């Protein structure tokens, strides 16, 4: 009985650590600057990038062909975005602080996706330039 309880506590602690680690990666990546090319391509402005632009950014991610097989996808971020979007819509008017947190997290997911698209776009442009020369 004690060993099962210890195992369950260990699994919960490991899961919590994994979530904090993944969120830290999300935050660090989202802080990277975006190129003007990406913002022009998406018809967005860096100062007005919000959580509502996530679908536009992910559609650009699907369009950028990645020649690198190890290119990071947006699976975890899309899941996290949908969860926070659901929490925000459920919180709505009743819990404004939770709705505000949800909006900030959705913006974070959008910035992360934009950085990933920008990296893919820059890699493709560099490859095209090397092929031309």
Foldseek 3Di string as FASTA:
>chain_A
DVVVVVVVVVVVVVVVVVVVVVVVVLQVLLPDDFDPVLCVVLVHDPVPQWLVCQVSLLVLVVVQDAPDPPQDDCVVLVVVLVVLVVQLVVCPPVPVVSVVVSRVSSSSSSSNSSSSSRVSVVVVVVVVVVVVD
